[in-house]
Amino acid sequence: DTLAKYTQESQAGLATALSEAKAVIDKEDASESEIKKAYDNISDAVKNLKEPEVSTEFKNALKKAQSYSDNMHMSKAGIYDQLISSYGEGFPEDAAQYAIDHVKADWNQNALAKAKSYYKSMNMSKSAVYDQLISQYGEQFTEEEAQYAVDHLDD
């Protein structure tokens, strides 16, 4: 659902333009100018797709999430917990979820960065690194992300 991130109003405008274009295309005697107008209407509707306004609180949560990902290579779950924690950032859950949904992160690479830190700086075994990465009291990466990290420690 690529369109889900846009406002209902702008989605409706595109749906109308597409419906009108289909009607023109289905006409056997549609003129070139009618077809061009239908195409232009679709093009305009696509240009007019609008994302809903995002509050400053949500934007701030996203900036914090991006910082945690980029600088500390945290997991999705770890960032979420940090954002909502009263001992952390104290964002409301909906702002934290917005941030997690919109942060640009390669979670495998974050897991690998953390894994390398444990493996090389703390001289941990691969098994111990894996356990630390998936622990709910540790890094909270998924099993797949942790396995990717351990598999690429020596790259």
C-alpha atoms as a PDB file:
ATOM      1  CA  ASP A   1       0.000   0.000   0.000  1.00  0.00           C
ATOM      2  CA  THR A   2       2.298   2.719  -1.257  1.00  0.00           C
ATOM      3  CA  LEU A   3      -0.540   5.251  -1.078  1.00  0.00           C
ATOM      4  CA  ALA A   4      -1.226   4.597   2.619  1.00  0.00           C
ATOM      5  CA  LYS A   5       1.197   7.319   3.703  1.00  0.00           C
ATOM      6  CA  TYR A   6      -0.785  10.029   1.904  1.00  0.00           C
ATOM      7  CA  THR A   7      -3.863  11.896   3.094  1.00  0.00           C
ATOM      8  CA  GLN A   8      -7.268  10.433   2.254  1.00  0.00           C
ATOM      9  CA  GLU A   9      -8.148  13.614   0.372  1.00  0.00           C
ATOM     10  CA  SER A  10      -5.167  13.364  -1.965  1.00  0.00           C
ATOM     11  CA  GLN A  11      -5.759   9.618  -2.422  1.00  0.00           C
ATOM     12  CA  ALA A  12      -9.354  10.374  -3.397  1.00  0.00           C
ATOM     13  CA  GLY A  13      -8.168  12.913  -5.974  1.00  0.00           C
ATOM     14  CA  LEU A  14      -5.920  10.320  -7.575  1.00  0.00           C
ATOM     15  CA  ALA A  15      -8.678   7.692  -7.535  1.00  0.00           C
ATOM     16  CA  THR A  16     -11.020  10.114  -9.300  1.00  0.00           C
ATOM     17  CA  ALA A  17      -8.408  10.963 -11.940  1.00  0.00           C
ATOM     18  CA  LEU A  18      -7.725   7.264 -12.557  1.00  0.00           C
ATOM     19  CA  SER A  19     -11.427   6.467 -12.802  1.00  0.00           C
ATOM     20  CA  GLU A  20     -11.997   9.306 -15.264  1.00  0.00           C
ATOM     21  CA  ALA A  21      -8.996   8.194 -17.317  1.00  0.00           C
ATOM     22  CA  LYS A  22     -10.310   4.629 -17.456  1.00  0.00           C
ATOM     23  CA  ALA A  23     -13.643   5.941 -18.748  1.00  0.00           C
ATOM     24  CA  VAL A  24     -11.842   7.884 -21.498  1.00  0.00           C
ATOM     25  CA  ILE A  25      -9.660   4.916 -22.454  1.00  0.00           C
ATOM     26  CA  ASP A  26     -12.683   2.602 -22.545  1.00  0.00           C
ATOM     27  CA  LYS A  27     -14.397   4.932 -25.059  1.00  0.00           C
ATOM     28  CA  GLU A  28     -13.886   3.642 -28.586  1.00  0.00           C
ATOM     29  CA  ASP A  29     -13.880   7.124 -30.096  1.00  0.00           C
ATOM     30  CA  ALA A  30     -11.752   8.929 -27.464  1.00  0.00           C
ATOM     31  CA  SER A  31      -9.907  11.809 -29.035  1.00  0.00           C
ATOM     32  CA  GLU A  32      -6.208  12.427 -28.593  1.00  0.00           C
ATOM     33  CA  SER A  33      -6.977  15.590 -26.616  1.00  0.00           C
ATOM     34  CA  GLU A  34      -9.295  13.668 -24.239  1.00  0.00           C
ATOM     35  CA  ILE A  35      -6.589  11.076 -23.644  1.00  0.00           C
ATOM     36  CA  LYS A  36      -3.970  13.793 -23.074  1.00  0.00           C
ATOM     37  CA  LYS A  37      -6.274  15.590 -20.632  1.00  0.00           C
ATOM     38  CA  ALA A  38      -6.859  12.331 -18.719  1.00  0.00           C
ATOM     39  CA  TYR A  39      -3.101  11.738 -18.552  1.00  0.00           C
ATOM     40  CA  ASP A  40      -2.522  15.309 -17.353  1.00  0.00           C
ATOM     41  CA  ASN A  41      -5.194  14.881 -14.664  1.00  0.00           C
ATOM     42  CA  ILE A  42      -3.464  11.748 -13.375  1.00  0.00           C
ATOM     43  CA  SER A  43      -0.102  13.514 -13.436  1.00  0.00           C
ATOM     44  CA  ASP A  44      -1.543  16.471 -11.491  1.00  0.00           C
ATOM     45  CA  ALA A  45      -3.169  14.147  -8.945  1.00  0.00           C
ATOM     46  CA  VAL A  46       0.136  12.345  -8.354  1.00  0.00           C
ATOM     47  CA  LYS A  47       1.902  15.687  -7.888  1.00  0.00           C
ATOM     48  CA  ASN A  48      -0.783  16.711  -5.396  1.00  0.00           C
ATOM     49  CA  LEU A  49      -0.413  13.658  -3.169  1.00  0.00           C
ATOM     50  CA  LYS A  50       0.208  15.036   0.312  1.00  0.00           C
ATOM     51  CA  GLU A  51       1.563  13.436   3.405  1.00  0.00           C
ATOM     52  CA  PRO A  52      -0.256  14.284   6.627  1.00  0.00           C
ATOM     53  CA  GLU A  53       1.284  16.964   8.790  1.00  0.00           C
ATOM     54  CA  VAL A  54       3.609  15.531  11.395  1.00  0.00           C
ATOM     55  CA  SER A  55       3.845  17.137  14.806  1.00  0.00           C
ATOM     56  CA  THR A  56       7.109  18.500  16.158  1.00  0.00           C
ATOM     57  CA  GLU A  57       7.000  15.784  18.847  1.00  0.00           C
ATOM     58  CA  PHE A  58       6.924  13.070  16.177  1.00  0.00           C
ATOM     59  CA  LYS A  59       9.701  14.779  14.203  1.00  0.00           C
ATOM     60  CA  ASN A  60      11.825  15.045  17.353  1.00  0.00           C
ATOM     61  CA  ALA A  61      11.297  11.358  18.111  1.00  0.00           C
ATOM     62  CA  LEU A  62      12.380  10.508  14.574  1.00  0.00           C
ATOM     63  CA  LYS A  63      15.518  12.647  14.865  1.00  0.00           C
ATOM     64  CA  LYS A  64      16.415  10.926  18.147  1.00  0.00           C
ATOM     65  CA  ALA A  65      15.774   7.502  16.635  1.00  0.00           C
ATOM     66  CA  GLN A  66      17.967   8.338  13.647  1.00  0.00           C
ATOM     67  CA  SER A  67      20.725   9.513  15.968  1.00  0.00           C
ATOM     68  CA  TYR A  68      20.567   6.315  18.051  1.00  0.00           C
ATOM     69  CA  SER A  69      20.730   4.233  14.884  1.00  0.00           C
ATOM     70  CA  ASP A  70      23.508   6.194  13.195  1.00  0.00           C
ATOM     71  CA  ASN A  71      25.731   6.813  16.221  1.00  0.00           C
ATOM     72  CA  MET A  72      25.055   3.958  18.619  1.00  0.00           C
ATOM     73  CA  HIS A  73      23.963   1.278  16.111  1.00  0.00           C
ATOM     74  CA  MET A  74      21.001   0.305  18.251  1.00  0.00           C
ATOM     75  CA  SER A  75      18.291  -2.206  17.357  1.00  0.00           C
ATOM     76  CA  LYS A  76      14.740  -1.270  16.451  1.00  0.00           C
ATOM     77  CA  ALA A  77      13.437  -2.580  19.794  1.00  0.00           C
ATOM     78  CA  GLY A  78      16.255  -0.900  21.704  1.00  0.00           C
ATOM     79  CA  ILE A  79      15.557   2.450  20.102  1.00  0.00           C
ATOM     80  CA  TYR A  80      11.819   2.142  20.737  1.00  0.00           C
ATOM     81  CA  ASP A  81      12.401   1.326  24.406  1.00  0.00           C
ATOM     82  CA  GLN A  82      14.836   4.244  24.750  1.00  0.00           C
ATOM     83  CA  LEU A  83      12.360   6.630  23.146  1.00  0.00           C
ATOM     84  CA  ILE A  84       9.457   5.719  25.445  1.00  0.00           C
ATOM     85  CA  SER A  85      11.422   5.201  28.660  1.00  0.00           C
ATOM     86  CA  SER A  86      10.863   7.677  31.451  1.00  0.00           C
ATOM     87  CA  TYR A  87      14.583   7.186  32.135  1.00  0.00           C
ATOM     88  CA  GLY A  88      15.328   7.828  28.471  1.00  0.00           C
ATOM     89  CA  GLU A  89      13.585  10.233  26.121  1.00  0.00           C
ATOM     90  CA  GLY A  90      10.032  10.036  27.510  1.00  0.00           C
ATOM     91  CA  PHE A  91       8.234  10.236  24.163  1.00  0.00           C
ATOM     92  CA  PRO A  92       4.656   8.995  23.914  1.00  0.00           C
ATOM     93  CA  GLU A  93       4.278   5.529  22.356  1.00  0.00           C
ATOM     94  CA  ASP A  94       2.686   6.862  19.159  1.00  0.00           C
ATOM     95  CA  ALA A  95       5.601   9.251  18.559  1.00  0.00           C
ATOM     96  CA  ALA A  96       8.092   6.444  19.195  1.00  0.00           C
ATOM     97  CA  GLN A  97       6.230   4.143  16.819  1.00  0.00           C
ATOM     98  CA  TYR A  98       6.188   6.855  14.155  1.00  0.00           C
ATOM     99  CA  ALA A  99       9.945   7.227  14.595  1.00  0.00           C
ATOM    100  CA  ILE A 100      10.564   3.481  14.319  1.00  0.00           C
ATOM    101  CA  ASP A 101       8.362   3.295  11.222  1.00  0.00           C
ATOM    102  CA  HIS A 102      10.255   6.134   9.512  1.00  0.00           C
ATOM    103  CA  VAL A 103      13.871   5.806  10.667  1.00  0.00           C
ATOM    104  CA  LYS A 104      16.279   4.953   7.865  1.00  0.00           C
ATOM    105  CA  ALA A 105      18.379   2.109   9.197  1.00  0.00           C
ATOM    106  CA  ASP A 106      20.024  -1.080   8.058  1.00  0.00           C
ATOM    107  CA  TRP A 107      19.359  -3.204  11.135  1.00  0.00           C
ATOM    108  CA  ASN A 108      21.767  -5.924   9.963  1.00  0.00           C
ATOM    109  CA  GLN A 109      24.562  -3.362   9.751  1.00  0.00           C
ATOM    110  CA  ASN A 110      23.661  -1.974  13.175  1.00  0.00           C
ATOM    111  CA  ALA A 111      23.839  -5.502  14.597  1.00  0.00           C
ATOM    112  CA  LEU A 112      27.173  -6.067  12.879  1.00  0.00           C
ATOM    113  CA  ALA A 113      28.632  -2.840  14.270  1.00  0.00           C
ATOM    114  CA  LYS A 114      27.552  -3.828  17.797  1.00  0.00           C
ATOM    115  CA  ALA A 115      28.825  -7.358  17.298  1.00  0.00           C
ATOM    116  CA  LYS A 116      32.255  -6.154  16.177  1.00  0.00           C
ATOM    117  CA  SER A 117      32.453  -3.929  19.237  1.00  0.00           C
ATOM    118  CA  TYR A 118      31.757  -6.862  21.573  1.00  0.00           C
ATOM    119  CA  TYR A 119      33.943  -9.285  19.619  1.00  0.00           C
ATOM    120  CA  LYS A 120      37.007  -7.101  19.187  1.00  0.00           C
ATOM    121  CA  SER A 121      36.909  -4.675  22.104  1.00  0.00           C
ATOM    122  CA  MET A 122      35.543  -6.977  24.758  1.00  0.00           C
ATOM    123  CA  ASN A 123      37.082 -10.212  23.441  1.00  0.00           C
ATOM    124  CA  MET A 124      33.789 -12.095  23.576  1.00  0.00           C
ATOM    125  CA  SER A 125      33.143 -15.399  21.819  1.00  0.00           C
ATOM    126  CA  LYS A 126      30.821 -15.478  18.809  1.00  0.00           C
ATOM    127  CA  SER A 127      28.276 -17.375  20.892  1.00  0.00           C
ATOM    128  CA  ALA A 128      28.389 -14.767  23.666  1.00  0.00           C
ATOM    129  CA  VAL A 129      28.117 -11.957  21.095  1.00  0.00           C
ATOM    130  CA  TYR A 130      25.032 -13.609  19.593  1.00  0.00           C
ATOM    131  CA  ASP A 131      23.436 -13.991  23.024  1.00  0.00           C
ATOM    132  CA  GLN A 132      24.152 -10.354  23.865  1.00  0.00           C
ATOM    133  CA  LEU A 133      22.674  -9.174  20.572  1.00  0.00           C
ATOM    134  CA  ILE A 134      19.360 -11.011  21.034  1.00  0.00           C
ATOM    135  CA  SER A 135      18.987 -10.553  24.784  1.00  0.00           C
ATOM    136  CA  GLN A 136      15.997  -8.558  25.957  1.00  0.00           C
ATOM    137  CA  TYR A 137      18.355  -7.158  28.601  1.00  0.00           C
ATOM    138  CA  GLY A 138      21.030  -6.526  25.988  1.00  0.00           C
ATOM    139  CA  GLU A 139      20.758  -5.196  22.458  1.00  0.00           C
ATOM    140  CA  GLN A 140      17.349  -6.654  21.474  1.00  0.00           C
ATOM    141  CA  PHE A 141      18.190  -7.426  17.854  1.00  0.00           C
ATOM    142  CA  THR A 142      16.174 -10.093  16.085  1.00  0.00           C
ATOM    143  CA  GLU A 143      17.658 -13.573  15.810  1.00  0.00           C
ATOM    144  CA  GLU A 144      18.087 -13.026  12.059  1.00  0.00           C
ATOM    145  CA  GLU A 145      19.951  -9.732  12.555  1.00  0.00           C
ATOM    146  CA  ALA A 146      22.171 -11.285  15.229  1.00  0.00           C
ATOM    147  CA  GLN A 147      22.940 -14.280  13.037  1.00  0.00           C
ATOM    148  CA  TYR A 148      23.835 -11.981  10.136  1.00  0.00           C
ATOM    149  CA  ALA A 149      26.193 -10.083  12.433  1.00  0.00           C
ATOM    150  CA  VAL A 150      27.914 -13.176  13.780  1.00  0.00           C
ATOM    151  CA  ASP A 151      28.217 -14.619  10.266  1.00  0.00           C
ATOM    152  CA  HIS A 152      30.016 -11.463   9.095  1.00  0.00           C
ATOM    153  CA  LEU A 153      32.266 -10.756  12.088  1.00  0.00           C
ATOM    154  CA  ASP A 154      35.394 -11.781  10.215  1.00  0.00           C
ATOM    155  CA  ASP A 155      34.599  -9.937   6.957  1.00  0.00           C
END
